[in-house]
Amino acid sequence: MENSPQDFKMGFLNTPISKLPVTEVFMLRSKLMGFSNLAEIVQTDLVKLSKHEDYSQRWYLELINVLGRHGLLHLIAR
């Protein structure tokens, strides 16, 4: 039985950030903000996220790139 695209996306979102192809800076800032996977990030209100002390535009741009490469950009464009 093959995994559906939805299963793949959920698996990707729940993968620990430390296992993803992201920069060390992205990993560190994510950890400082209390996130261990992308699912936690996309479930967070964008306004609240942007006001976090450890948020940066560079971190956010990397998040957009990672999600976009996997067809998941719509998850933060709500």
C-alpha atoms as a PDB file:
ATOM      1  CA  MET A   1       0.000   0.000   0.000  1.00  0.00           C
ATOM      2  CA  GLU A   2       1.423   3.368  -1.036  1.00  0.00           C
ATOM      3  CA  ASN A   3       1.398   6.442   1.125  1.00  0.00           C
ATOM      4  CA  SER A   4      -0.817   9.250  -0.092  1.00  0.00           C
ATOM      5  CA  PRO A   5       0.580  12.742  -0.764  1.00  0.00           C
ATOM      6  CA  GLN A   6      -1.309  13.859   2.348  1.00  0.00           C
ATOM      7  CA  ASP A   7       0.523  11.249   4.449  1.00  0.00           C
ATOM      8  CA  PHE A   8       3.851  12.441   3.043  1.00  0.00           C
ATOM      9  CA  LYS A   9       3.036  16.072   3.830  1.00  0.00           C
ATOM     10  CA  MET A  10       1.973  15.279   7.391  1.00  0.00           C
ATOM     11  CA  GLY A  11       5.081  13.171   7.865  1.00  0.00           C
ATOM     12  CA  PHE A  12       7.251  15.997   6.583  1.00  0.00           C
ATOM     13  CA  LEU A  13       5.549  18.562   8.829  1.00  0.00           C
ATOM     14  CA  ASN A  14       6.034  16.325  11.870  1.00  0.00           C
ATOM     15  CA  THR A  15       9.694  15.579  11.152  1.00  0.00           C
ATOM     16  CA  PRO A  16      11.980  17.083  13.801  1.00  0.00           C
ATOM     17  CA  ILE A  17      13.453  20.349  12.513  1.00  0.00           C
ATOM     18  CA  SER A  18      16.920  19.004  13.313  1.00  0.00           C
ATOM     19  CA  LYS A  19      16.373  16.317  10.638  1.00  0.00           C
ATOM     20  CA  LEU A  20      15.268  18.760   7.909  1.00  0.00           C
ATOM     21  CA  PRO A  21      17.501  20.299   5.222  1.00  0.00           C
ATOM     22  CA  VAL A  22      17.592  23.731   6.900  1.00  0.00           C
ATOM     23  CA  THR A  23      20.341  26.010   8.160  1.00  0.00           C
ATOM     24  CA  GLU A  24      21.756  25.875  11.669  1.00  0.00           C
ATOM     25  CA  VAL A  25      20.343  29.374  12.225  1.00  0.00           C
ATOM     26  CA  PHE A  26      16.845  28.179  11.334  1.00  0.00           C
ATOM     27  CA  MET A  27      17.225  25.234  13.701  1.00  0.00           C
ATOM     28  CA  LEU A  28      18.453  27.456  16.535  1.00  0.00           C
ATOM     29  CA  ARG A  29      15.773  30.132  16.139  1.00  0.00           C
ATOM     30  CA  SER A  30      13.076  27.479  15.897  1.00  0.00           C
ATOM     31  CA  LYS A  31      14.329  25.901  19.114  1.00  0.00           C
ATOM     32  CA  LEU A  32      14.491  29.281  20.866  1.00  0.00           C
ATOM     33  CA  MET A  33      10.876  29.922  19.861  1.00  0.00           C
ATOM     34  CA  GLY A  34       9.874  26.525  21.238  1.00  0.00           C
ATOM     35  CA  PHE A  35       9.230  24.712  17.958  1.00  0.00           C
ATOM     36  CA  SER A  36      10.374  21.149  17.362  1.00  0.00           C
ATOM     37  CA  ASN A  37       8.700  20.612  13.954  1.00  0.00           C
ATOM     38  CA  LEU A  38       7.070  22.550  11.124  1.00  0.00           C
ATOM     39  CA  ALA A  39       3.559  21.460  12.134  1.00  0.00           C
ATOM     40  CA  GLU A  40       3.907  23.477  15.334  1.00  0.00           C
ATOM     41  CA  ILE A  41       5.049  26.524  13.374  1.00  0.00           C
ATOM     42  CA  VAL A  42       2.241  26.485  10.795  1.00  0.00           C
ATOM     43  CA  GLN A  43      -0.334  26.122  13.582  1.00  0.00           C
ATOM     44  CA  THR A  44       0.903  29.339  15.211  1.00  0.00           C
ATOM     45  CA  ASP A  45      -0.792  32.666  14.496  1.00  0.00           C
ATOM     46  CA  LEU A  46       1.428  34.714  12.146  1.00  0.00           C
ATOM     47  CA  VAL A  47       1.063  37.902  14.189  1.00  0.00           C
ATOM     48  CA  LYS A  48       2.046  36.102  17.385  1.00  0.00           C
ATOM     49  CA  LEU A  49       4.914  34.425  15.559  1.00  0.00           C
ATOM     50  CA  SER A  50       6.279  37.700  14.154  1.00  0.00           C
ATOM     51  CA  LYS A  51       6.257  39.322  17.602  1.00  0.00           C
ATOM     52  CA  HIS A  52       8.360  36.587  19.185  1.00  0.00           C
ATOM     53  CA  GLU A  53      11.692  37.827  20.517  1.00  0.00           C
ATOM     54  CA  ASP A  54      13.672  35.287  18.461  1.00  0.00           C
ATOM     55  CA  TYR A  55      11.762  35.802  15.182  1.00  0.00           C
ATOM     56  CA  SER A  56      13.653  37.208  12.202  1.00  0.00           C
ATOM     57  CA  GLN A  57      12.737  37.874   8.594  1.00  0.00           C
ATOM     58  CA  ARG A  58      15.590  35.637   7.456  1.00  0.00           C
ATOM     59  CA  TRP A  59      14.124  32.769   9.522  1.00  0.00           C
ATOM     60  CA  TYR A  60      10.674  33.425   8.035  1.00  0.00           C
ATOM     61  CA  LEU A  61      12.040  33.502   4.471  1.00  0.00           C
ATOM     62  CA  GLU A  62      13.706  30.150   5.045  1.00  0.00           C
ATOM     63  CA  LEU A  63      10.410  28.789   6.392  1.00  0.00           C
ATOM     64  CA  ILE A  64       8.653  30.005   3.227  1.00  0.00           C
ATOM     65  CA  ASN A  65      11.310  28.362   1.043  1.00  0.00           C
ATOM     66  CA  VAL A  66      11.122  25.034   2.878  1.00  0.00           C
ATOM     67  CA  LEU A  67       7.327  24.927   2.763  1.00  0.00           C
ATOM     68  CA  GLY A  68       7.240  26.087  -0.867  1.00  0.00           C
ATOM     69  CA  ARG A  69       9.620  23.335  -2.006  1.00  0.00           C
ATOM     70  CA  HIS A  70       7.198  20.777  -0.588  1.00  0.00           C
ATOM     71  CA  GLY A  71       3.976  22.351  -1.870  1.00  0.00           C
ATOM     72  CA  LEU A  72       2.935  23.447   1.619  1.00  0.00           C
ATOM     73  CA  LEU A  73       3.157  27.221   1.350  1.00  0.00           C
ATOM     74  CA  HIS A  74      -0.625  27.518   1.578  1.00  0.00           C
ATOM     75  CA  LEU A  75      -0.391  26.445   5.217  1.00  0.00           C
ATOM     76  CA  ILE A  76       0.970  29.831   6.277  1.00  0.00           C
ATOM     77  CA  ALA A  77      -0.988  31.927   3.815  1.00  0.00           C
ATOM     78  CA  ARG A  78      -4.218  31.739   5.779  1.00  0.00           C
END
